Amino acid sequence: MLASADGPAGAQRDERAFREKIDIIDYDEDPARFVANALSPAKVVSVTVIDQAARAAG
């Protein structure tokens, strides 16, 4: 979320907002692969889907 305001204080808030780093996660229909993608670059040893209908992973 980004809020903006007029004047120097608003410009400073906007500048700080753009310094934040974000992670881009490759989407995958398979919940286990999606979780592994979210944890990248760590090597994921195992993901267990505990409720396939709810697509929950644990």
N, C-alpha and C. Protein backbone atom coordinates (compact mmCIF):
# COMPACT_ATOMS: atom_id res chain seq x y z
N MET A 1 0.85 -1.17 0.00
CA MET A 1 0.00 0.00 0.00
C MET A 1 0.89 1.23 0.00
N LEU A 2 0.55 2.20 -0.78
CA LEU A 2 1.34 3.42 -0.88
C LEU A 2 0.41 4.61 -0.73
N ALA A 3 0.74 5.46 0.21
CA ALA A 3 -0.03 6.69 0.40
C ALA A 3 0.85 7.85 0.01
N SER A 4 0.25 8.90 -0.49
CA SER A 4 1.05 10.04 -0.91
C SER A 4 0.44 11.31 -0.36
N ALA A 5 1.30 12.30 -0.17
CA ALA A 5 0.85 13.60 0.34
C ALA A 5 1.65 14.69 -0.35
N ASP A 6 1.09 15.89 -0.40
CA ASP A 6 1.79 17.01 -1.01
C ASP A 6 2.85 17.54 -0.06
N GLY A 7 3.89 18.12 -0.63
CA GLY A 7 4.92 18.77 0.18
C GLY A 7 6.09 17.85 0.48
N PRO A 8 7.12 18.41 1.13
CA PRO A 8 8.35 17.65 1.40
C PRO A 8 8.12 16.40 2.25
N ALA A 9 7.25 16.47 3.24
CA ALA A 9 7.01 15.30 4.09
C ALA A 9 6.40 14.16 3.27
N GLY A 10 5.48 14.48 2.38
CA GLY A 10 4.88 13.47 1.53
C GLY A 10 5.89 12.86 0.58
N ALA A 11 6.76 13.68 0.02
CA ALA A 11 7.80 13.18 -0.89
C ALA A 11 8.74 12.24 -0.15
N GLN A 12 9.06 12.56 1.10
CA GLN A 12 9.96 11.71 1.87
C GLN A 12 9.31 10.35 2.14
N ARG A 13 8.03 10.33 2.47
CA ARG A 13 7.33 9.06 2.70
C ARG A 13 7.32 8.22 1.43
N ASP A 14 7.05 8.84 0.29
CA ASP A 14 7.04 8.10 -0.98
C ASP A 14 8.41 7.51 -1.26
N GLU A 15 9.48 8.27 -1.02
CA GLU A 15 10.84 7.79 -1.28
C GLU A 15 11.15 6.58 -0.41
N ARG A 16 10.77 6.61 0.85
CA ARG A 16 11.03 5.48 1.74
C ARG A 16 10.25 4.25 1.27
N ALA A 17 9.07 4.44 0.76
CA ALA A 17 8.25 3.31 0.32
C ALA A 17 8.93 2.56 -0.82
N PHE A 18 9.60 3.25 -1.70
CA PHE A 18 10.23 2.60 -2.84
C PHE A 18 11.55 1.93 -2.48
N ARG A 19 12.05 2.10 -1.28
CA ARG A 19 13.28 1.42 -0.86
C ARG A 19 12.99 0.02 -0.34
N GLU A 20 11.73 -0.30 -0.11
CA GLU A 20 11.40 -1.62 0.40
C GLU A 20 11.62 -2.66 -0.68
N LYS A 21 12.12 -3.81 -0.27
CA LYS A 21 12.33 -4.91 -1.20
C LYS A 21 11.11 -5.81 -1.17
N ILE A 22 10.75 -6.32 -2.32
CA ILE A 22 9.64 -7.26 -2.41
C ILE A 22 10.14 -8.55 -3.05
N ASP A 23 9.49 -9.63 -2.74
CA ASP A 23 9.83 -10.92 -3.34
C ASP A 23 8.77 -11.26 -4.38
N ILE A 24 9.24 -11.71 -5.53
CA ILE A 24 8.35 -12.19 -6.58
C ILE A 24 8.36 -13.72 -6.48
N ILE A 25 7.20 -14.31 -6.30
CA ILE A 25 7.11 -15.76 -6.14
C ILE A 25 6.45 -16.36 -7.37
N ASP A 26 7.11 -17.34 -7.99
CA ASP A 26 6.53 -18.03 -9.14
C ASP A 26 5.32 -18.82 -8.68
N TYR A 27 4.16 -18.55 -9.30
CA TYR A 27 2.93 -19.26 -8.95
C TYR A 27 2.96 -20.66 -9.54
N ASP A 28 2.42 -21.60 -8.81
CA ASP A 28 2.27 -22.97 -9.31
C ASP A 28 0.95 -23.51 -8.79
N GLU A 29 0.21 -24.20 -9.64
CA GLU A 29 -1.07 -24.80 -9.24
C GLU A 29 -0.87 -25.83 -8.13
N ASP A 30 0.28 -26.49 -8.12
CA ASP A 30 0.60 -27.49 -7.11
C ASP A 30 1.01 -26.78 -5.82
N PRO A 31 0.24 -26.95 -4.73
CA PRO A 31 0.56 -26.24 -3.48
C PRO A 31 1.97 -26.53 -2.97
N ALA A 32 2.43 -27.76 -3.11
CA ALA A 32 3.77 -28.10 -2.63
C ALA A 32 4.84 -27.33 -3.40
N ARG A 33 4.70 -27.24 -4.71
CA ARG A 33 5.67 -26.49 -5.52
C ARG A 33 5.59 -24.99 -5.22
N PHE A 34 4.37 -24.48 -5.00
CA PHE A 34 4.22 -23.07 -4.67
C PHE A 34 4.94 -22.73 -3.37
N VAL A 35 4.78 -23.59 -2.36
CA VAL A 35 5.48 -23.37 -1.08
C VAL A 35 6.98 -23.42 -1.30
N ALA A 36 7.46 -24.38 -2.08
CA ALA A 36 8.89 -24.46 -2.37
C ALA A 36 9.37 -23.21 -3.08
N ASN A 37 8.60 -22.70 -4.03
CA ASN A 37 8.97 -21.46 -4.73
C ASN A 37 9.03 -20.29 -3.75
N ALA A 38 8.10 -20.24 -2.80
CA ALA A 38 8.06 -19.14 -1.84
C ALA A 38 9.28 -19.15 -0.92
N LEU A 39 9.83 -20.32 -0.67
CA LEU A 39 10.98 -20.43 0.23
C LEU A 39 12.31 -20.35 -0.50
N SER A 40 12.28 -20.22 -1.80
CA SER A 40 13.50 -20.10 -2.60
C SER A 40 14.29 -18.87 -2.16
N PRO A 41 15.59 -18.89 -2.12
CA PRO A 41 16.53 -19.87 -2.66
C PRO A 41 16.87 -21.01 -1.71
N ALA A 42 16.21 -21.13 -0.58
CA ALA A 42 16.47 -22.25 0.32
C ALA A 42 16.09 -23.55 -0.38
N LYS A 43 16.82 -24.60 -0.09
CA LYS A 43 16.51 -25.90 -0.68
C LYS A 43 15.43 -26.56 0.18
N VAL A 44 14.28 -26.78 -0.41
CA VAL A 44 13.15 -27.38 0.31
C VAL A 44 13.29 -28.89 0.22
N VAL A 45 13.34 -29.54 1.37
CA VAL A 45 13.50 -30.99 1.41
C VAL A 45 12.16 -31.68 1.25
N SER A 46 11.12 -31.12 1.88
CA SER A 46 9.82 -31.79 1.85
C SER A 46 8.70 -30.80 2.13
N VAL A 47 7.61 -30.98 1.42
CA VAL A 47 6.36 -30.26 1.70
C VAL A 47 5.26 -31.31 1.67
N THR A 48 4.46 -31.36 2.71
CA THR A 48 3.37 -32.33 2.79
C THR A 48 2.04 -31.60 2.70
N VAL A 49 1.24 -31.97 1.73
CA VAL A 49 -0.10 -31.39 1.59
C VAL A 49 -1.00 -32.13 2.56
N ILE A 50 -1.57 -31.39 3.52
CA ILE A 50 -2.36 -32.04 4.56
C ILE A 50 -3.86 -32.04 4.26
N ASP A 51 -4.29 -31.20 3.34
CA ASP A 51 -5.70 -31.16 2.96
C ASP A 51 -5.79 -30.75 1.50
N GLN A 52 -5.84 -31.74 0.61
CA GLN A 52 -5.83 -31.46 -0.83
C GLN A 52 -7.03 -30.62 -1.25
N ALA A 53 -8.18 -30.85 -0.63
CA ALA A 53 -9.38 -30.09 -0.99
C ALA A 53 -9.22 -28.62 -0.64
N ALA A 54 -8.62 -28.33 0.50
CA ALA A 54 -8.41 -26.94 0.93
C ALA A 54 -7.10 -26.40 0.37
N ARG A 55 -6.30 -27.26 -0.24
CA ARG A 55 -5.00 -26.91 -0.80
C ARG A 55 -4.09 -26.30 0.26
N ALA A 56 -4.09 -26.93 1.43
CA ALA A 56 -3.26 -26.48 2.54
C ALA A 56 -2.00 -27.34 2.60
N ALA A 57 -0.89 -26.72 2.87
CA ALA A 57 0.38 -27.45 2.97
C ALA A 57 0.95 -27.26 4.36
N GLY A 58 1.65 -28.27 4.84
CA GLY A 58 2.24 -28.18 6.17
C GLY A 58 3.61 -28.75 6.21
